[in-house]
Protein backbone atom coordinates (compact mmCIF):
# COMPACT_ATOMS: atom_id res chain seq x y z
CA UNK A 1 161.83 -143.38 -107.99
CA UNK A 2 164.37 -144.41 -105.36
CA UNK A 3 166.38 -142.22 -103.12
CA UNK A 4 169.40 -141.98 -105.57
CA UNK A 5 167.33 -140.71 -108.30
CA UNK A 6 165.42 -138.39 -106.04
CA UNK A 7 168.74 -137.00 -104.78
CA UNK A 8 169.74 -136.25 -108.36
CA UNK A 9 166.72 -134.60 -109.23
CA UNK A 10 166.81 -132.41 -106.08
CA UNK A 11 170.21 -131.33 -107.03
CA UNK A 12 169.11 -130.61 -110.68
CA UNK A 13 166.06 -128.43 -109.09
CA UNK A 14 168.51 -126.12 -106.85
CA UNK A 15 168.22 -123.38 -109.52
CA UNK A 16 164.37 -123.46 -109.28
CA UNK A 17 164.80 -123.35 -105.61
CA UNK A 18 166.94 -120.23 -105.71
CA UNK A 19 164.36 -118.64 -108.02
CA UNK A 20 161.70 -119.57 -105.61
CA UNK A 21 163.53 -118.07 -102.70
CA UNK A 22 164.25 -114.75 -104.57
CA UNK A 23 160.43 -114.40 -105.64
CA UNK A 24 159.37 -115.02 -102.09
CA UNK A 25 161.86 -112.61 -100.79
CA UNK A 26 160.26 -109.94 -102.86
CA UNK A 27 157.37 -109.85 -100.55
CA UNK A 28 159.03 -111.35 -97.48
CA UNK A 29 162.69 -109.97 -97.51
CA UNK A 30 163.63 -112.55 -94.62
CA UNK A 31 163.65 -115.23 -97.39
CA UNK A 32 166.81 -113.77 -98.57
CA UNK A 33 168.46 -114.09 -95.23
CA UNK A 34 170.42 -117.09 -93.62
CA UNK A 35 170.53 -118.85 -96.96
CA UNK A 36 173.72 -120.67 -95.80
CA UNK A 37 171.70 -122.45 -93.12
CA UNK A 38 169.44 -123.92 -95.78
CA UNK A 39 172.47 -125.95 -97.03
CA UNK A 40 174.16 -126.74 -93.50
CA UNK A 41 176.58 -123.98 -93.60
CA UNK A 42 177.22 -121.14 -91.09
CA UNK A 43 174.94 -122.66 -88.53
CA UNK A 44 174.83 -121.06 -85.09
CA UNK A 45 176.86 -122.53 -82.31
CA UNK A 46 174.78 -125.61 -81.33
CA UNK A 47 175.35 -127.67 -78.10
CA UNK A 48 175.51 -131.40 -79.51
CA UNK A 49 173.74 -134.38 -77.73
CA UNK A 50 170.14 -133.32 -77.22
CA UNK A 51 166.70 -133.73 -78.91
CA UNK A 52 166.16 -132.21 -82.44
CA UNK A 53 162.57 -131.18 -83.21
CA UNK A 54 161.53 -130.11 -86.77
CA UNK A 55 158.47 -127.92 -87.12
CA UNK A 56 158.12 -126.64 -90.61
CA UNK A 57 156.32 -123.45 -90.03
CA UNK A 58 154.14 -121.44 -87.53
CA UNK A 59 151.22 -123.99 -87.23
CA UNK A 60 153.50 -126.97 -86.43
CA UNK A 61 155.84 -124.74 -84.14
CA UNK A 62 152.63 -123.78 -82.05
CA UNK A 63 151.44 -127.31 -81.94
CA UNK A 64 155.24 -128.42 -80.89
CA UNK A 65 155.17 -126.04 -78.03
CA UNK A 66 153.59 -127.94 -75.46
CA UNK A 67 155.45 -131.01 -76.24
CA UNK A 68 158.80 -129.13 -76.18
CA UNK A 69 158.18 -127.66 -72.87
CA UNK A 70 157.48 -130.91 -71.38
CA UNK A 71 160.62 -132.20 -72.77
CA UNK A 72 162.64 -129.40 -71.21
CA UNK A 73 161.09 -130.29 -67.76
CA UNK A 74 161.58 -134.11 -68.18
CA UNK A 75 164.97 -133.93 -69.56
CA UNK A 76 166.87 -131.02 -67.74
CA UNK A 77 170.47 -131.97 -68.97
CA UNK A 78 169.40 -132.22 -72.76
CA UNK A 79 169.48 -129.14 -75.20
CA UNK A 80 166.66 -129.06 -77.79
CA UNK A 81 167.21 -127.90 -81.19
CA UNK A 82 164.19 -126.74 -82.87
CA UNK A 83 164.32 -126.20 -86.69
CA UNK A 84 161.83 -125.02 -89.22
CA UNK A 85 161.78 -124.02 -92.96
CA UNK A 86 160.01 -120.49 -92.99
CA UNK A 87 161.05 -117.21 -91.54
CA UNK A 88 157.62 -116.66 -89.97
CA UNK A 89 158.16 -120.27 -88.17
CA UNK A 90 161.78 -118.89 -87.19
CA UNK A 91 160.23 -115.83 -85.54
CA UNK A 92 157.34 -117.78 -83.81
CA UNK A 93 159.95 -120.32 -82.23
CA UNK A 94 162.30 -117.62 -81.07
CA UNK A 95 159.77 -115.56 -79.54
CA UNK A 96 158.06 -118.57 -77.84
CA UNK A 97 161.53 -119.60 -76.22
CA UNK A 98 163.22 -116.35 -75.84
CA UNK A 99 163.82 -116.98 -72.06
CA UNK A 100 164.81 -120.59 -72.38
CA UNK A 101 168.78 -120.77 -72.74
CA UNK A 102 168.43 -124.62 -73.68
CA UNK A 103 166.54 -124.10 -76.79
CA UNK A 104 168.70 -123.79 -79.89
CA UNK A 105 167.34 -122.84 -83.25
CA UNK A 106 168.37 -122.88 -87.09
CA UNK A 107 166.61 -123.72 -90.43
CA UNK A 108 166.78 -127.29 -91.31
CA UNK A 109 168.88 -127.74 -94.32
CA UNK A 110 167.40 -128.94 -97.64
CA UNK A 111 167.04 -132.51 -97.96
CA UNK A 112 170.48 -133.39 -99.54
CA UNK A 113 172.76 -135.84 -98.12
CA UNK A 114 175.65 -133.53 -97.63
CA UNK A 115 173.56 -130.99 -96.06
CA UNK A 116 171.87 -133.14 -93.89
CA UNK A 117 175.30 -134.78 -92.91
CA UNK A 118 176.66 -131.21 -92.07
CA UNK A 119 173.41 -130.52 -89.61
CA UNK A 120 173.46 -133.81 -88.01
CA UNK A 121 177.31 -133.68 -87.33
CA UNK A 122 176.69 -130.26 -85.68
CA UNK A 123 173.72 -131.16 -83.55
CA UNK A 124 174.63 -134.94 -82.93
CA UNK A 125 170.90 -135.54 -81.49
CA UNK A 126 170.03 -138.61 -79.65
CA UNK A 127 166.47 -138.44 -80.85
CA UNK A 128 164.70 -136.58 -83.86
CA UNK A 129 161.20 -135.47 -83.50
CA UNK A 130 159.33 -134.47 -86.85
CA UNK A 131 156.03 -132.69 -86.27
CA UNK A 132 152.96 -133.85 -88.44
CA UNK A 133 153.92 -134.51 -92.12
CA UNK A 134 157.21 -133.22 -92.85
CA UNK A 135 159.06 -136.38 -93.81
CA UNK A 136 162.28 -136.03 -95.76
CA UNK A 137 164.01 -139.14 -97.17
CA UNK A 138 167.70 -138.08 -96.83
CA UNK A 139 167.23 -136.60 -93.40
CA UNK A 140 165.67 -139.76 -92.23
CA UNK A 141 167.98 -141.93 -94.00
CA UNK A 142 171.03 -140.02 -92.47
CA UNK A 143 169.76 -140.52 -89.16
CA UNK A 144 169.24 -144.10 -89.53
CA UNK A 145 172.86 -144.43 -90.45
CA UNK A 146 174.07 -142.96 -87.23
CA UNK A 147 171.68 -144.77 -85.22
CA UNK A 148 169.51 -141.80 -84.36
CA UNK A 149 165.77 -142.78 -83.80
CA UNK A 150 163.34 -140.67 -85.71
CA UNK A 151 159.69 -140.07 -84.41
CA UNK A 152 156.90 -138.64 -86.27
CA UNK A 153 154.75 -136.71 -83.70
CA UNK A 154 151.09 -135.84 -84.05
CA UNK A 155 151.24 -137.62 -87.41
CA UNK A 156 148.72 -136.82 -90.20
CA UNK A 157 148.25 -138.47 -93.59
CA UNK A 158 145.23 -137.56 -95.85
CA UNK A 159 143.87 -139.81 -98.34
CA UNK A 160 145.31 -137.78 -101.05
CA UNK A 161 148.69 -137.76 -99.60
CA UNK A 162 148.68 -141.36 -99.00
CA UNK A 163 148.06 -141.79 -102.76
CA UNK A 164 151.04 -139.41 -103.59
CA UNK A 165 153.23 -141.72 -101.20
CA UNK A 166 152.22 -144.83 -102.88
CA UNK A 167 153.17 -143.48 -106.30
CA UNK A 168 156.62 -143.28 -105.06
CA UNK A 169 156.72 -146.49 -103.14
CA UNK A 170 160.47 -147.09 -103.82
CA UNK A 171 161.39 -143.97 -102.30
CA UNK A 172 158.85 -143.75 -99.38
CA UNK A 173 158.71 -147.33 -98.35
CA UNK A 174 162.05 -147.64 -97.20
CA UNK A 175 161.85 -144.06 -95.47
CA UNK A 176 158.96 -145.15 -93.36
CA UNK A 177 160.67 -148.53 -92.37
CA UNK A 178 163.70 -146.56 -91.13
CA UNK A 179 161.45 -144.64 -88.64
CA UNK A 180 161.44 -145.77 -85.05
CA UNK A 181 157.98 -144.42 -83.88
CA UNK A 182 155.12 -142.86 -85.57
CA UNK A 183 152.71 -141.25 -83.27
CA UNK A 184 149.43 -140.66 -85.20
CA UNK A 185 146.15 -138.85 -84.64
CA UNK A 186 143.60 -141.59 -85.88
CA UNK A 187 143.35 -145.35 -86.51
CA UNK A 188 142.60 -144.48 -90.27
CA UNK A 189 146.04 -142.60 -90.56
CA UNK A 190 147.81 -145.43 -88.58
CA UNK A 191 146.45 -147.94 -91.13
CA UNK A 192 147.82 -145.65 -94.06
CA UNK A 193 151.10 -145.43 -92.81
CA UNK A 194 151.39 -149.22 -92.38
CA UNK A 195 150.13 -149.88 -95.83
CA UNK A 196 152.67 -147.62 -97.01
CA UNK A 197 155.62 -149.22 -95.31
CA UNK A 198 155.90 -148.41 -91.65
CA UNK A 199 156.74 -151.10 -89.33
CA UNK A 200 153.39 -152.00 -87.59
CA UNK A 201 154.96 -152.23 -84.03
CA UNK A 202 156.22 -148.68 -84.49
CA UNK A 203 152.75 -147.07 -85.20
CA UNK A 204 150.56 -146.03 -82.32
CA UNK A 205 147.44 -143.97 -82.43
CA UNK A 206 148.12 -141.20 -79.77
CA UNK A 207 145.53 -138.67 -80.91
CA UNK A 208 146.05 -134.98 -81.51
CA UNK A 209 148.30 -132.86 -79.11
CA UNK A 210 146.57 -129.86 -80.25
CA UNK A 211 143.74 -130.81 -77.63
CA UNK A 212 146.31 -130.36 -75.06
CA UNK A 213 146.65 -126.76 -75.26
CA UNK A 214 146.51 -125.24 -71.81
CA UNK A 215 145.61 -121.51 -71.69
CA UNK A 216 147.37 -119.49 -68.93
CA UNK A 217 144.78 -117.80 -66.62
CA UNK A 218 146.76 -114.56 -66.73
CA UNK A 219 146.39 -114.36 -70.47
CA UNK A 220 142.45 -114.11 -69.78
CA UNK A 221 143.34 -111.61 -67.07
CA UNK A 222 145.49 -109.46 -69.61
CA UNK A 223 142.61 -109.62 -72.03
CA UNK A 224 139.95 -108.38 -69.91
CA UNK A 225 142.16 -105.65 -68.51
CA UNK A 226 142.79 -104.45 -72.07
CA UNK A 227 139.25 -104.30 -73.01
CA UNK A 228 138.37 -102.59 -70.00
CA UNK A 229 141.05 -99.78 -70.69
CA UNK A 230 139.66 -99.61 -74.41
CA UNK A 231 136.10 -98.86 -72.52
CA UNK A 232 134.86 -101.90 -74.41
CA UNK A 233 133.53 -104.48 -71.92
CA UNK A 234 130.27 -104.42 -73.56
CA UNK A 235 131.29 -103.38 -76.97
CA UNK A 236 130.88 -106.52 -79.68
CA UNK A 237 134.17 -107.70 -80.78
CA UNK A 238 134.95 -110.35 -83.19
CA UNK A 239 138.10 -111.74 -84.72
CA UNK A 240 138.90 -112.99 -88.18
CA UNK A 241 142.28 -114.87 -87.64
CA UNK A 242 144.79 -116.44 -90.08
CA UNK A 243 143.21 -115.03 -93.04
CA UNK A 244 144.64 -115.48 -96.60
CA UNK A 245 144.65 -113.38 -99.79
CA UNK A 246 141.28 -113.28 -101.07
CA UNK A 247 139.32 -113.71 -97.75
CA UNK A 248 140.04 -110.10 -96.31
CA UNK A 249 137.62 -108.57 -98.60
CA UNK A 250 135.01 -111.04 -97.61
CA UNK A 251 135.68 -110.23 -93.82
CA UNK A 252 135.40 -106.89 -94.20
CA UNK A 253 132.21 -106.90 -96.25
CA UNK A 254 130.68 -108.94 -93.53
CA UNK A 255 131.85 -106.36 -90.99
CA UNK A 256 130.32 -103.53 -92.96
CA UNK A 257 126.92 -105.51 -92.91
CA UNK A 258 127.23 -106.26 -89.24
CA UNK A 259 127.94 -102.32 -88.53
CA UNK A 260 124.47 -101.74 -89.87
CA UNK A 261 122.97 -103.37 -86.90
CA UNK A 262 125.61 -102.99 -84.31
CA UNK A 263 127.28 -99.76 -85.19
CA UNK A 264 129.87 -100.03 -82.58
CA UNK A 265 131.42 -103.56 -83.33
CA UNK A 266 135.11 -103.78 -83.55
CA UNK A 267 136.78 -106.52 -85.77
CA UNK A 268 140.37 -107.82 -85.11
CA UNK A 269 141.72 -108.74 -88.49
CA UNK A 270 144.92 -110.95 -88.26
CA UNK A 271 146.43 -112.04 -91.72
CA UNK A 272 148.24 -115.13 -91.91
CA UNK A 273 151.34 -113.95 -93.32
CA UNK A 274 153.45 -110.73 -92.05
CA UNK A 275 154.23 -109.85 -95.52
CA UNK A 276 150.68 -109.14 -96.09
CA UNK A 277 150.31 -106.95 -92.88
CA UNK A 278 150.73 -103.56 -94.81
CA UNK A 279 148.73 -104.46 -97.80
CA UNK A 280 145.74 -105.59 -95.60
CA UNK A 281 145.99 -102.27 -93.55
CA UNK A 282 145.93 -100.43 -96.78
CA UNK A 283 142.88 -102.31 -97.78
CA UNK A 284 141.08 -101.39 -94.50
CA UNK A 285 141.94 -97.83 -95.02
CA UNK A 286 140.77 -97.85 -98.67
CA UNK A 287 137.38 -99.49 -97.70
CA UNK A 288 137.00 -96.40 -95.22
CA UNK A 289 137.31 -98.34 -91.98
CA UNK A 290 138.80 -96.57 -89.03
CA UNK A 291 141.72 -98.85 -88.43
CA UNK A 292 144.67 -99.18 -86.01
CA UNK A 293 147.60 -101.48 -85.97
CA UNK A 294 148.30 -103.63 -82.79
CA UNK A 295 151.99 -103.12 -83.60
CA UNK A 296 151.94 -99.49 -83.04
CA UNK A 297 150.59 -99.66 -79.55
CA UNK A 298 147.72 -97.14 -80.36
CA UNK A 299 144.72 -97.57 -78.21
CA UNK A 300 141.40 -98.63 -79.78
CA UNK A 301 139.11 -95.73 -79.47
CA UNK A 302 135.28 -95.76 -79.73
CA UNK A 303 135.44 -94.75 -83.35
CA UNK A 304 137.91 -97.50 -84.17
CA UNK A 305 136.08 -100.09 -86.36
CA UNK A 306 139.29 -102.42 -87.29
CA UNK A 307 142.05 -103.47 -85.24
CA UNK A 308 144.83 -105.07 -87.54
CA UNK A 309 146.63 -107.97 -85.70
CA UNK A 310 150.16 -107.36 -87.11
CA UNK A 311 152.45 -108.62 -84.36
CA UNK A 312 153.94 -112.00 -84.13
CA UNK A 313 153.01 -114.46 -81.20
CA UNK A 314 149.83 -112.93 -80.01
CA UNK A 315 147.21 -114.77 -81.69
CA UNK A 316 145.78 -116.57 -78.68
CA UNK A 317 145.98 -113.29 -76.75
CA UNK A 318 143.79 -111.74 -79.65
CA UNK A 319 141.68 -114.59 -79.56
CA UNK A 320 140.87 -113.88 -76.03
CA UNK A 321 140.10 -110.37 -76.60
CA UNK A 322 136.90 -111.34 -78.93
CA UNK A 323 133.64 -112.69 -78.29
CA UNK A 324 133.51 -114.90 -81.16
CA UNK A 325 136.11 -116.29 -83.77
CA UNK A 326 136.35 -116.84 -87.58
CA UNK A 327 139.43 -119.13 -88.52
CA UNK A 328 140.60 -118.19 -91.79
CA UNK A 329 142.22 -120.19 -94.79
CA UNK A 330 138.86 -121.67 -95.04
CA UNK A 331 136.87 -119.63 -97.35
CA UNK A 332 139.45 -120.41 -100.12
CA UNK A 333 140.63 -123.81 -100.77
CA UNK A 334 143.81 -123.55 -98.42
CA UNK A 335 142.42 -126.09 -95.90
CA UNK A 336 142.00 -123.95 -92.79
CA UNK A 337 143.91 -123.41 -89.69
CA UNK A 338 143.75 -124.67 -86.07
CA UNK A 339 140.09 -124.14 -84.80
CA UNK A 340 141.15 -125.56 -81.34
CA UNK A 341 143.10 -122.36 -80.20
CA UNK A 342 139.58 -120.31 -80.02
CA UNK A 343 137.62 -123.52 -78.72
CA UNK A 344 140.19 -123.64 -75.78
CA UNK A 345 139.22 -120.19 -74.91
CA UNK A 346 135.57 -121.07 -74.99
CA UNK A 347 134.73 -118.94 -78.12
CA UNK A 348 132.46 -119.84 -80.60
CA UNK A 349 134.21 -120.89 -83.86
CA UNK A 350 133.20 -119.92 -87.37
CA UNK A 351 134.93 -121.30 -90.44
CA UNK A 352 134.56 -121.51 -94.06
CA UNK A 353 133.72 -124.79 -96.02
CA UNK A 354 137.49 -125.70 -96.93
CA UNK A 355 138.83 -127.31 -93.53
CA UNK A 356 140.50 -130.28 -95.02
CA UNK A 357 143.52 -129.86 -93.11
CA UNK A 358 141.43 -130.28 -89.94
CA UNK A 359 138.73 -132.58 -91.09
CA UNK A 360 138.35 -134.81 -88.07
CA UNK A 361 138.73 -131.83 -85.36
CA UNK A 362 136.20 -129.66 -87.43
CA UNK A 363 133.77 -132.37 -87.70
CA UNK A 364 134.01 -132.91 -83.98
CA UNK A 365 133.47 -129.37 -83.16
CA UNK A 366 130.67 -129.20 -85.67
CA UNK A 367 129.00 -132.26 -84.33
CA UNK A 368 129.17 -130.93 -80.81
CA UNK A 369 127.67 -127.50 -81.76
CA UNK A 370 130.86 -125.61 -81.12
CA UNK A 371 131.74 -124.63 -84.86
CA UNK A 372 129.39 -122.98 -87.61
CA UNK A 373 130.35 -122.94 -91.07
CA UNK A 374 129.73 -120.11 -93.49
CA UNK A 375 130.21 -119.72 -97.09
CA UNK A 376 130.31 -115.94 -97.79
CA UNK A 377 130.35 -112.59 -96.25
CA UNK A 378 126.34 -112.49 -95.87
CA UNK A 379 126.65 -115.92 -94.01
CA UNK A 380 129.56 -114.72 -91.88
CA UNK A 381 127.64 -111.45 -90.88
CA UNK A 382 124.52 -113.26 -89.90
CA UNK A 383 126.31 -115.70 -87.72
CA UNK A 384 128.41 -112.97 -85.85
CA UNK A 385 125.06 -110.87 -85.48
CA UNK A 386 123.07 -113.80 -84.13
CA UNK A 387 125.87 -114.54 -81.70
CA UNK A 388 125.96 -110.91 -80.55
CA UNK A 389 122.26 -110.78 -79.99
CA UNK A 390 121.97 -114.27 -78.34
CA UNK A 391 124.77 -114.38 -75.79
CA UNK A 392 123.32 -117.65 -74.42
CA UNK A 393 123.92 -119.30 -77.89
CA UNK A 394 127.48 -117.82 -77.97
CA UNK A 395 128.07 -119.16 -74.44
CA UNK A 396 126.44 -122.60 -75.34
CA UNK A 397 128.82 -122.84 -78.34
CA UNK A 398 131.90 -121.77 -76.44
CA UNK A 399 131.23 -124.45 -73.72
CA UNK A 400 130.59 -127.13 -76.19
CA UNK A 401 133.96 -126.27 -77.83
CA UNK A 402 135.79 -126.54 -74.48
CA UNK A 403 134.05 -129.90 -73.73
CA UNK A 404 135.51 -131.27 -77.03
CA UNK A 405 138.84 -130.05 -76.00
CA UNK A 406 138.69 -131.65 -72.32
CA UNK A 407 137.24 -134.87 -73.73
CA UNK A 408 140.13 -135.45 -76.22
CA UNK A 409 143.15 -134.61 -73.88
CA UNK A 410 146.00 -137.04 -73.50
CA UNK A 411 147.71 -137.30 -76.47
CA UNK A 412 150.73 -135.28 -75.31
CA UNK A 413 151.22 -137.59 -72.45
CA UNK A 414 151.03 -140.74 -74.63
CA UNK A 415 153.46 -139.05 -77.00
CA UNK A 416 155.88 -138.35 -74.43
CA UNK A 417 155.85 -141.83 -73.18
CA UNK A 418 156.66 -143.15 -76.53
CA UNK A 419 159.65 -140.68 -76.69
CA UNK A 420 160.85 -141.86 -73.16
CA UNK A 421 161.18 -145.53 -74.56
CA UNK A 422 163.42 -144.11 -77.16
CA UNK A 423 165.50 -142.00 -74.95
CA UNK A 424 166.06 -144.91 -72.57
């Protein structure tokens, strides 16, 4: 398949895309809004001539935030347009940069030449930066036609994805050859990109910028003050974050087992997707747990057993409230979520067996003794109970995770140096 055939098939698939948006909007109404932006129409007023950063959804937006803040500081005259593809990513971007007037935001149009052209004519970026794996042939080609260098930042490419790219070599090889800089996380991934057609001189191993997460000391102070306000400074608190459908029941079963031994334990349960907040709250109530919603601002009382984290942009703060952290998306075959966020807060990290989106990072944490893998509700309850009853073990795991973070920092600086060479 070459780019012409790909574009034709994309056009033919537009009715299916419309159906998909409709179905998703039934659970998440935000998918029915701003449809025109997805085709390059009705874009907000955008100041041209700056840097374009694309982060497909929430996880990539969070990972991109330190880089974006560094770019704001280094290039004070350039606006930065941040795009994404999901409503949750959009909300996260707007929340993170609400007080930064140089940040512009819209959805990235679908990968159609005319839609991409409309977007690029509005933004006129001097540099494009794509986070992790979101590579689109027409967007990259339209940038190349205009002489706009495109970078892959924090690049990842699994063996499975590489095989998929190789099956469509006539499409992906020219796309990768048109990219100016690929900053990837490991040498294994660098070699995969080279084999697939990226120019060898444009590929650099920079490491993962997710290790460069800096925690604001005020966040820790606010968390400590809130726990004190709850009268819960010595109360066992654990968090299950970014859970997916099928995991909440397991987490609640583990919490029920934990309560048999530590009757005052509090679970902070944070579903990954906002459209599930109401159903997970109903599940907690149905199972008999005294539950409050974070969004309602209600205080956690001694009888409260579950705090539902149903706000946007607070995950790091909610991690800071807890003594140990389970990272969701890992008990089901979803690939897991970023375990470095709790590690940066010196929290013991727990996960299920399905962490294939973070294989190297999970392996590093596991090897250092900072991450414990569990398979089911019983295993989860046992590990959380052990960490409550052995605080020295919890502290050792937390410090081990923090050590892994510190030992692997520096990727952001290497990435910024590469971007700087292109901006010259």
